[in-house]
Amino acid sequence: RALETEYRAEALRPYAEESTAYRRMRLAALA
């Protein structure tokens, strides 16, 4: 868990747009 927290943001940085789109779609689907 500590390693995931530490490295997640760095690993996802190149995919920022995709990650943001995923979060938006997930929240919309939940709603």
Full PDB file with SEQRES, HELIX, SHEET, SSBOND, CRYST1, ORIGX, SCALE, CONECT and MASTER records, all heavy atoms in Angstrom:
SEQRES   1 A   31  ARG ALA LEU GLU THR GLU TYR ARG ALA GLU ALA LEU ARG          
SEQRES   2 A   31  PRO TYR ALA GLU GLU SER THR ALA TYR ARG ARG MET ARG          
SEQRES   3 A   31  LEU ALA ALA LEU ALA                                          
HELIX    1 AA1 ALA A    2  LEU A   12  1                                  11    
HELIX    2 AA2 ARG A   13  TYR A   15  5                                   3    
HELIX    3 AA3 ALA A   16  LEU A   30  1                                  15    
CRYST1    1.000    1.000    1.000  90.00  90.00  90.00 P 1           1          
ORIGX1      1.000000  0.000000  0.000000        0.00000                         
ORIGX2      0.000000  1.000000  0.000000        0.00000                         
ORIGX3      0.000000  0.000000  1.000000        0.00000                         
SCALE1      1.000000  0.000000  0.000000        0.00000                         
SCALE2      0.000000  1.000000  0.000000        0.00000                         
SCALE3      0.000000  0.000000  1.000000        0.00000                         
ATOM      1  N   ARG A   1       0.825  -1.206   0.000  1.00  0.00           N  
ATOM      2  CA  ARG A   1       0.000   0.000   0.000  1.00  0.00           C  
ATOM      3  C   ARG A   1       0.861   1.258   0.000  1.00  0.00           C  
ATOM      4  O   ARG A   1       0.568   2.228  -0.709  1.00  0.00           O  
ATOM      5  CB  ARG A   1      -0.955  -0.013   1.187  1.00  0.00           C  
ATOM      6  CG  ARG A   1      -2.133  -0.942   1.002  1.00  0.00           C  
ATOM      7  CD  ARG A   1      -3.145  -0.806   2.130  1.00  0.00           C  
ATOM      8  NE  ARG A   1      -2.625  -1.234   3.406  1.00  0.00           N  
ATOM      9  CZ  ARG A   1      -2.553  -2.510   3.820  1.00  0.00           C  
ATOM     10  NH1 ARG A   1      -2.972  -3.471   3.027  1.00  0.00           N  
ATOM     11  NH2 ARG A   1      -2.062  -2.802   5.005  1.00  0.00           N  
ATOM     12  N   ALA A   2       1.930   1.248   0.772  1.00  0.00           N  
ATOM     13  CA  ALA A   2       2.817   2.415   0.825  1.00  0.00           C  
ATOM     14  C   ALA A   2       3.478   2.657  -0.526  1.00  0.00           C  
ATOM     15  O   ALA A   2       3.554   3.795  -0.997  1.00  0.00           O  
ATOM     16  CB  ALA A   2       3.871   2.218   1.912  1.00  0.00           C  
ATOM     17  N   LEU A   3       3.932   1.587  -1.167  1.00  0.00           N  
ATOM     18  CA  LEU A   3       4.569   1.740  -2.478  1.00  0.00           C  
ATOM     19  C   LEU A   3       3.572   2.204  -3.533  1.00  0.00           C  
ATOM     20  O   LEU A   3       3.897   3.039  -4.381  1.00  0.00           O  
ATOM     21  CB  LEU A   3       5.216   0.420  -2.910  1.00  0.00           C  
ATOM     22  CG  LEU A   3       6.473   0.032  -2.148  1.00  0.00           C  
ATOM     23  CD1 LEU A   3       6.892  -1.386  -2.505  1.00  0.00           C  
ATOM     24  CD2 LEU A   3       7.599   1.022  -2.422  1.00  0.00           C  
ATOM     25  N   GLU A   4       2.367   1.676  -3.474  1.00  0.00           N  
ATOM     26  CA  GLU A   4       1.350   2.102  -4.440  1.00  0.00           C  
ATOM     27  C   GLU A   4       1.048   3.580  -4.276  1.00  0.00           C  
ATOM     28  O   GLU A   4       0.976   4.326  -5.262  1.00  0.00           O  
ATOM     29  CB  GLU A   4       0.071   1.289  -4.273  1.00  0.00           C  
ATOM     30  CG  GLU A   4      -0.988   1.683  -5.268  1.00  0.00           C  
ATOM     31  CD  GLU A   4      -2.252   0.850  -5.161  1.00  0.00           C  
ATOM     32  OE1 GLU A   4      -2.310  -0.101  -4.377  1.00  0.00           O  
ATOM     33  OE2 GLU A   4      -3.203   1.185  -5.877  1.00  0.00           O  
ATOM     34  N   THR A   5       0.889   4.022  -3.055  1.00  0.00           N  
ATOM     35  CA  THR A   5       0.629   5.438  -2.791  1.00  0.00           C  
ATOM     36  C   THR A   5       1.776   6.299  -3.294  1.00  0.00           C  
ATOM     37  O   THR A   5       1.564   7.325  -3.938  1.00  0.00           O  
ATOM     38  CB  THR A   5       0.422   5.664  -1.277  1.00  0.00           C  
ATOM     39  OG1 THR A   5      -0.704   4.895  -0.858  1.00  0.00           O  
ATOM     40  CG2 THR A   5       0.190   7.125  -0.968  1.00  0.00           C  
ATOM     41  N   GLU A   6       2.994   5.851  -3.036  1.00  0.00           N  
ATOM     42  CA  GLU A   6       4.168   6.630  -3.412  1.00  0.00           C  
ATOM     43  C   GLU A   6       4.348   6.730  -4.923  1.00  0.00           C  
ATOM     44  O   GLU A   6       4.684   7.787  -5.442  1.00  0.00           O  
ATOM     45  CB  GLU A   6       5.421   6.000  -2.795  1.00  0.00           C  
ATOM     46  CG  GLU A   6       6.686   6.777  -3.070  1.00  0.00           C  
ATOM     47  CD  GLU A   6       7.897   6.164  -2.387  1.00  0.00           C  
ATOM     48  OE1 GLU A   6       7.727   5.364  -1.450  1.00  0.00           O  
ATOM     49  OE2 GLU A   6       9.007   6.502  -2.801  1.00  0.00           O  
ATOM     50  N   TYR A   7       4.108   5.649  -5.631  1.00  0.00           N  
ATOM     51  CA  TYR A   7       4.429   5.616  -7.057  1.00  0.00           C  
ATOM     52  C   TYR A   7       3.240   5.793  -8.004  1.00  0.00           C  
ATOM     53  O   TYR A   7       3.421   5.980  -9.188  1.00  0.00           O  
ATOM     54  CB  TYR A   7       5.149   4.313  -7.392  1.00  0.00           C  
ATOM     55  CG  TYR A   7       6.517   4.261  -6.785  1.00  0.00           C  
ATOM     56  CD1 TYR A   7       6.783   3.453  -5.697  1.00  0.00           C  
ATOM     57  CD2 TYR A   7       7.543   5.052  -7.289  1.00  0.00           C  
ATOM     58  CE1 TYR A   7       8.034   3.415  -5.126  1.00  0.00           C  
ATOM     59  CE2 TYR A   7       8.806   5.029  -6.721  1.00  0.00           C  
ATOM     60  CZ  TYR A   7       9.048   4.205  -5.638  1.00  0.00           C  
ATOM     61  OH  TYR A   7      10.295   4.182  -5.077  1.00  0.00           O  
ATOM     62  N   ARG A   8       2.028   5.733  -7.491  1.00  0.00           N  
ATOM     63  CA  ARG A   8       0.855   5.818  -8.358  1.00  0.00           C  
ATOM     64  C   ARG A   8       0.817   7.115  -9.159  1.00  0.00           C  
ATOM     65  O   ARG A   8       0.640   7.103 -10.373  1.00  0.00           O  
ATOM     66  CB  ARG A   8      -0.422   5.686  -7.552  1.00  0.00           C  
ATOM     67  CG  ARG A   8      -1.668   5.928  -8.427  1.00  0.00           C  
ATOM     68  CD  ARG A   8      -2.907   5.781  -7.656  1.00  0.00           C  
ATOM     69  NE  ARG A   8      -3.176   4.350  -7.617  1.00  0.00           N  
ATOM     70  CZ  ARG A   8      -4.244   3.821  -7.097  1.00  0.00           C  
ATOM     71  NH1 ARG A   8      -5.139   4.575  -6.541  1.00  0.00           N  
ATOM     72  NH2 ARG A   8      -4.424   2.521  -7.113  1.00  0.00           N  
ATOM     73  N   ALA A   9       0.966   8.239  -8.493  1.00  0.00           N  
ATOM     74  CA  ALA A   9       0.893   9.529  -9.189  1.00  0.00           C  
ATOM     75  C   ALA A   9       1.968   9.631 -10.263  1.00  0.00           C  
ATOM     76  O   ALA A   9       1.694  10.072 -11.387  1.00  0.00           O  
ATOM     77  CB  ALA A   9       1.031  10.681  -8.194  1.00  0.00           C  
ATOM     78  N   GLU A  10       3.168   9.187  -9.931  1.00  0.00           N  
ATOM     79  CA  GLU A  10       4.258   9.232 -10.903  1.00  0.00           C  
ATOM     80  C   GLU A  10       3.976   8.319 -12.103  1.00  0.00           C  
ATOM     81  O   GLU A  10       4.201   8.703 -13.242  1.00  0.00           O  
ATOM     82  CB  GLU A  10       5.567   8.813 -10.232  1.00  0.00           C  
ATOM     83  CG  GLU A  10       6.767   8.883 -11.138  1.00  0.00           C  
ATOM     84  CD  GLU A  10       8.037   8.432 -10.424  1.00  0.00           C  
ATOM     85  OE1 GLU A  10       8.143   8.605  -9.196  1.00  0.00           O  
ATOM     86  OE2 GLU A  10       8.910   7.905 -11.118  1.00  0.00           O  
ATOM     87  N   ALA A  11       3.475   7.138 -11.835  1.00  0.00           N  
ATOM     88  CA  ALA A  11       3.212   6.180 -12.910  1.00  0.00           C  
ATOM     89  C   ALA A  11       2.067   6.644 -13.809  1.00  0.00           C  
ATOM     90  O   ALA A  11       2.062   6.377 -15.015  1.00  0.00           O  
ATOM     91  CB  ALA A  11       2.890   4.809 -12.325  1.00  0.00           C  
ATOM     92  N   LEU A  12       1.098   7.335 -13.238  1.00  0.00           N  
ATOM     93  CA  LEU A  12      -0.063   7.786 -14.013  1.00  0.00           C  
ATOM     94  C   LEU A  12       0.149   9.120 -14.714  1.00  0.00           C  
ATOM     95  O   LEU A  12      -0.648   9.497 -15.570  1.00  0.00           O  
ATOM     96  CB  LEU A  12      -1.298   7.871 -13.113  1.00  0.00           C  
ATOM     97  CG  LEU A  12      -1.854   6.548 -12.615  1.00  0.00           C  
ATOM     98  CD1 LEU A  12      -3.037   6.794 -11.681  1.00  0.00           C  
ATOM     99  CD2 LEU A  12      -2.258   5.654 -13.764  1.00  0.00           C  
ATOM    100  N   ARG A  13       1.208   9.820 -14.375  1.00  0.00           N  
ATOM    101  CA  ARG A  13       1.449  11.153 -14.943  1.00  0.00           C  
ATOM    102  C   ARG A  13       1.362  11.162 -16.477  1.00  0.00           C  
ATOM    103  O   ARG A  13       0.701  12.031 -17.040  1.00  0.00           O  
ATOM    104  CB  ARG A  13       2.781  11.705 -14.460  1.00  0.00           C  
ATOM    105  CG  ARG A  13       2.948  13.179 -14.785  1.00  0.00           C  
ATOM    106  CD  ARG A  13       4.154  13.787 -14.071  1.00  0.00           C  
ATOM    107  NE  ARG A  13       3.944  13.748 -12.619  1.00  0.00           N  
ATOM    108  CZ  ARG A  13       4.801  13.188 -11.753  1.00  0.00           C  
ATOM    109  NH1 ARG A  13       5.917  12.648 -12.173  1.00  0.00           N  
ATOM    110  NH2 ARG A  13       4.543  13.188 -10.465  1.00  0.00           N  
ATOM    111  N   PRO A  14       1.973  10.219 -17.187  1.00  0.00           N  
ATOM    112  CA  PRO A  14       1.877  10.248 -18.655  1.00  0.00           C  
ATOM    113  C   PRO A  14       0.449  10.008 -19.165  1.00  0.00           C  
ATOM    114  O   PRO A  14       0.153  10.254 -20.320  1.00  0.00           O  
ATOM    115  CB  PRO A  14       2.792   9.111 -19.107  1.00  0.00           C  
ATOM    116  CG  PRO A  14       3.666   8.800 -17.950  1.00  0.00           C  
ATOM    117  CD  PRO A  14       2.893   9.180 -16.730  1.00  0.00           C  
ATOM    118  N   TYR A  15      -0.410   9.521 -18.293  1.00  0.00           N  
ATOM    119  CA  TYR A  15      -1.787   9.201 -18.677  1.00  0.00           C  
ATOM    120  C   TYR A  15      -2.790  10.084 -17.951  1.00  0.00           C  
ATOM    121  O   TYR A  15      -3.904   9.659 -17.653  1.00  0.00           O  
ATOM    122  CB  TYR A  15      -2.074   7.721 -18.380  1.00  0.00           C  
ATOM    123  CG  TYR A  15      -1.028   6.805 -18.940  1.00  0.00           C  
ATOM    124  CD1 TYR A  15      -0.024   6.289 -18.125  1.00  0.00           C  
ATOM    125  CD2 TYR A  15      -1.015   6.485 -20.293  1.00  0.00           C  
ATOM    126  CE1 TYR A  15       0.959   5.459 -18.644  1.00  0.00           C  
ATOM    127  CE2 TYR A  15      -0.037   5.662 -20.821  1.00  0.00           C  
ATOM    128  CZ  TYR A  15       0.943   5.155 -19.987  1.00  0.00           C  
ATOM    129  OH  TYR A  15       1.913   4.344 -20.512  1.00  0.00           O  
ATOM    130  N   ALA A  16      -2.412  11.310 -17.676  1.00  0.00           N  
ATOM    131  CA  ALA A  16      -3.250  12.208 -16.880  1.00  0.00           C  
ATOM    132  C   ALA A  16      -4.628  12.400 -17.502  1.00  0.00           C  
ATOM    133  O   ALA A  16      -5.645  12.363 -16.806  1.00  0.00           O  
ATOM    134  CB  ALA A  16      -2.557  13.547 -16.687  1.00  0.00           C  
ATOM    135  N   GLU A  17      -4.688  12.615 -18.808  1.00  0.00           N  
ATOM    136  CA  GLU A  17      -5.985  12.823 -19.467  1.00  0.00           C  
ATOM    137  C   GLU A  17      -6.857  11.587 -19.352  1.00  0.00           C  
ATOM    138  O   GLU A  17      -8.048  11.685 -19.043  1.00  0.00           O  
ATOM    139  CB  GLU A  17      -5.781  13.190 -20.934  1.00  0.00           C  
ATOM    140  CG  GLU A  17      -5.231  14.578 -21.143  1.00  0.00           C  
ATOM    141  CD  GLU A  17      -5.098  14.904 -22.630  1.00  0.00           C  
ATOM    142  OE1 GLU A  17      -5.911  14.423 -23.432  1.00  0.00           O  
ATOM    143  OE2 GLU A  17      -4.157  15.642 -22.971  1.00  0.00           O  
ATOM    144  N   GLU A  18      -6.274  10.427 -19.612  1.00  0.00           N  
ATOM    145  CA  GLU A  18      -7.032   9.181 -19.538  1.00  0.00           C  
ATOM    146  C   GLU A  18      -7.507   8.905 -18.121  1.00  0.00           C  
ATOM    147  O   GLU A  18      -8.639   8.473 -17.887  1.00  0.00           O  
ATOM    148  CB  GLU A  18      -6.189   7.997 -20.041  1.00  0.00           C  
ATOM    149  CG  GLU A  18      -5.899   8.038 -21.516  1.00  0.00           C  
ATOM    150  CD  GLU A  18      -4.638   8.821 -21.872  1.00  0.00           C  
ATOM    151  OE1 GLU A  18      -4.130   9.576 -21.011  1.00  0.00           O  
ATOM    152  OE2 GLU A  18      -4.181   8.687 -23.013  1.00  0.00           O  
ATOM    153  N   SER A  19      -6.633   9.183 -17.161  1.00  0.00           N  
ATOM    154  CA  SER A  19      -6.974   8.963 -15.763  1.00  0.00           C  
ATOM    155  C   SER A  19      -8.118   9.879 -15.330  1.00  0.00           C  
ATOM    156  O   SER A  19      -9.054   9.450 -14.642  1.00  0.00           O  
ATOM    157  CB  SER A  19      -5.744   9.203 -14.888  1.00  0.00           C  
ATOM    158  OG  SER A  19      -6.020   8.961 -13.547  1.00  0.00           O  
ATOM    159  N   THR A  20      -8.068  11.125 -15.747  1.00  0.00           N  
ATOM    160  CA  THR A  20      -9.134  12.074 -15.430  1.00  0.00           C  
ATOM    161  C   THR A  20     -10.441  11.642 -16.076  1.00  0.00           C  
ATOM    162  O   THR A  20     -11.500  11.661 -15.439  1.00  0.00           O  
ATOM    163  CB  THR A  20      -8.739  13.488 -15.888  1.00  0.00           C  
ATOM    164  OG1 THR A  20      -7.553  13.870 -15.192  1.00  0.00           O  
ATOM    165  CG2 THR A  20      -9.840  14.490 -15.604  1.00  0.00           C  
ATOM    166  N   ALA A  21     -10.385  11.230 -17.328  1.00  0.00           N  
ATOM    167  CA  ALA A  21     -11.588  10.768 -18.031  1.00  0.00           C  
ATOM    168  C   ALA A  21     -12.176   9.547 -17.334  1.00  0.00           C  
ATOM    169  O   ALA A  21     -13.396   9.447 -17.162  1.00  0.00           O  
ATOM    170  CB  ALA A  21     -11.267  10.454 -19.485  1.00  0.00           C  
ATOM    171  N   TYR A  22     -11.314   8.623 -16.919  1.00  0.00           N  
ATOM    172  CA  TYR A  22     -11.776   7.423 -16.203  1.00  0.00           C  
ATOM    173  C   TYR A  22     -12.496   7.800 -14.916  1.00  0.00           C  
ATOM    174  O   TYR A  22     -13.584   7.295 -14.626  1.00  0.00           O  
ATOM    175  CB  TYR A  22     -10.588   6.512 -15.903  1.00  0.00           C  
ATOM    176  CG  TYR A  22     -10.914   5.409 -14.931  1.00  0.00           C  
ATOM    177  CD1 TYR A  22     -11.629   4.291 -15.345  1.00  0.00           C  
ATOM    178  CD2 TYR A  22     -10.530   5.495 -13.594  1.00  0.00           C  
ATOM    179  CE1 TYR A  22     -11.953   3.287 -14.452  1.00  0.00           C  
ATOM    180  CE2 TYR A  22     -10.844   4.491 -12.691  1.00  0.00           C  
ATOM    181  CZ  TYR A  22     -11.556   3.392 -13.126  1.00  0.00           C  
ATOM    182  OH  TYR A  22     -11.873   2.401 -12.245  1.00  0.00           O  
ATOM    183  N   ARG A  23     -11.898   8.702 -14.135  1.00  0.00           N  
ATOM    184  CA  ARG A  23     -12.537   9.111 -12.878  1.00  0.00           C  
ATOM    185  C   ARG A  23     -13.884   9.769 -13.125  1.00  0.00           C  
ATOM    186  O   ARG A  23     -14.859   9.524 -12.420  1.00  0.00           O  
ATOM    187  CB  ARG A  23     -11.607  10.044 -12.099  1.00  0.00           C  
ATOM    188  CG  ARG A  23     -10.465   9.311 -11.410  1.00  0.00           C  
ATOM    189  CD  ARG A  23      -9.759  10.174 -10.373  1.00  0.00           C  
ATOM    190  NE  ARG A  23      -9.296  11.449 -10.870  1.00  0.00           N  
ATOM    191  CZ  ARG A  23      -8.129  11.650 -11.468  1.00  0.00           C  
ATOM    192  NH1 ARG A  23      -7.303  10.651 -11.644  1.00  0.00           N  
ATOM    193  NH2 ARG A  23      -7.776  12.853 -11.880  1.00  0.00           N  
ATOM    194  N   ARG A  24     -13.964  10.616 -14.150  1.00  0.00           N  
ATOM    195  CA  ARG A  24     -15.240  11.275 -14.468  1.00  0.00           C  
ATOM    196  C   ARG A  24     -16.302  10.253 -14.877  1.00  0.00           C  
ATOM    197  O   ARG A  24     -17.448  10.325 -14.437  1.00  0.00           O  
ATOM    198  CB  ARG A  24     -15.044  12.287 -15.592  1.00  0.00           C  
ATOM    199  CG  ARG A  24     -14.368  13.541 -15.140  1.00  0.00           C  
ATOM    200  CD  ARG A  24     -14.261  14.536 -16.278  1.00  0.00           C  
ATOM    201  NE  ARG A  24     -13.488  15.691 -15.866  1.00  0.00           N  
ATOM    202  CZ  ARG A  24     -12.712  16.377 -16.649  1.00  0.00           C  
ATOM    203  NH1 ARG A  24     -12.602  16.064 -17.929  1.00  0.00           N  
ATOM    204  NH2 ARG A  24     -12.038  17.411 -16.179  1.00  0.00           N  
ATOM    205  N   MET A  25     -15.916   9.318 -15.752  1.00  0.00           N  
ATOM    206  CA  MET A  25     -16.877   8.301 -16.194  1.00  0.00           C  
ATOM    207  C   MET A  25     -17.323   7.422 -15.033  1.00  0.00           C  
ATOM    208  O   MET A  25     -18.500   7.069 -14.922  1.00  0.00           O  
ATOM    209  CB  MET A  25     -16.265   7.431 -17.292  1.00  0.00           C  
ATOM    210  CG  MET A  25     -16.132   8.152 -18.614  1.00  0.00           C  
ATOM    211  SD  MET A  25     -15.577   7.077 -19.950  1.00  0.00           S  
ATOM    212  CE  MET A  25     -13.881   6.792 -19.497  1.00  0.00           C  
ATOM    213  N   ARG A  26     -16.385   7.092 -14.145  1.00  0.00           N  
ATOM    214  CA  ARG A  26     -16.721   6.259 -12.995  1.00  0.00           C  
ATOM    215  C   ARG A  26     -17.718   6.967 -12.081  1.00  0.00           C  
ATOM    216  O   ARG A  26     -18.698   6.375 -11.627  1.00  0.00           O  
ATOM    217  CB  ARG A  26     -15.434   5.930 -12.249  1.00  0.00           C  
ATOM    218  CG  ARG A  26     -15.614   4.974 -11.130  1.00  0.00           C  
ATOM    219  CD  ARG A  26     -14.265   4.573 -10.577  1.00  0.00           C  
ATOM    220  NE  ARG A  26     -14.458   3.732  -9.420  1.00  0.00           N  
ATOM    221  CZ  ARG A  26     -13.745   3.799  -8.336  1.00  0.00           C  
ATOM    222  NH1 ARG A  26     -12.747   4.637  -8.249  1.00  0.00           N  
ATOM    223  NH2 ARG A  26     -13.982   3.008  -7.322  1.00  0.00           N  
ATOM    224  N   LEU A  27     -17.461   8.245 -11.811  1.00  0.00           N  
ATOM    225  CA  LEU A  27     -18.376   9.004 -10.964  1.00  0.00           C  
ATOM    226  C   LEU A  27     -19.742   9.178 -11.621  1.00  0.00           C  
ATOM    227  O   LEU A  27     -20.777   9.094 -10.954  1.00  0.00           O  
ATOM    228  CB  LEU A  27     -17.770  10.366 -10.619  1.00  0.00           C  
ATOM    229  CG  LEU A  27     -16.573  10.319  -9.670  1.00  0.00           C  
ATOM    230  CD1 LEU A  27     -15.936  11.698  -9.563  1.00  0.00           C  
ATOM    231  CD2 LEU A  27     -16.984   9.801  -8.302  1.00  0.00           C  
ATOM    232  N   ALA A  28     -19.747   9.410 -12.927  1.00  0.00           N  
ATOM    233  CA  ALA A  28     -21.019   9.541 -13.648  1.00  0.00           C  
ATOM    234  C   ALA A  28     -21.794   8.229 -13.614  1.00  0.00           C  
ATOM    235  O   ALA A  28     -23.015   8.219 -13.422  1.00  0.00           O  
ATOM    236  CB  ALA A  28     -20.759   9.976 -15.084  1.00  0.00           C  
ATOM    237  N   ALA A  29     -21.097   7.127 -13.783  1.00  0.00           N  
ATOM    238  CA  ALA A  29     -21.753   5.811 -13.762  1.00  0.00           C  
ATOM    239  C   ALA A  29     -22.319   5.526 -12.365  1.00  0.00           C  
ATOM    240  O   ALA A  29     -23.425   4.988 -12.234  1.00  0.00           O  
ATOM    241  CB  ALA A  29     -20.766   4.719 -14.165  1.00  0.00           C  
ATOM    242  N   LEU A  30     -21.578   5.897 -11.342  1.00  0.00           N  
ATOM    243  CA  LEU A  30     -22.056   5.694  -9.972  1.00  0.00           C  
ATOM    244  C   LEU A  30     -23.319   6.526  -9.721  1.00  0.00           C  
ATOM    245  O   LEU A  30     -24.291   6.033  -9.165  1.00  0.00           O  
ATOM    246  CB  LEU A  30     -20.966   6.054  -8.982  1.00  0.00           C  
ATOM    247  CG  LEU A  30     -21.292   5.875  -7.504  1.00  0.00           C  
ATOM    248  CD1 LEU A  30     -21.657   4.432  -7.219  1.00  0.00           C  
ATOM    249  CD2 LEU A  30     -20.087   6.294  -6.672  1.00  0.00           C  
ATOM    250  N   ALA A  31     -23.290   7.771 -10.152  1.00  0.00           N  
ATOM    251  CA  ALA A  31     -24.470   8.632  -9.993  1.00  0.00           C  
ATOM    252  C   ALA A  31     -25.670   8.062 -10.747  1.00  0.00           C  
ATOM    253  O   ALA A  31     -26.793   8.031 -10.231  1.00  0.00           O  
ATOM    254  CB  ALA A  31     -24.159  10.043 -10.461  1.00  0.00           C  
TER     255      ALA A  31                                                      
MASTER        0    0    0    3    0    0    0    6  254    1    0    3          
END                                                                             
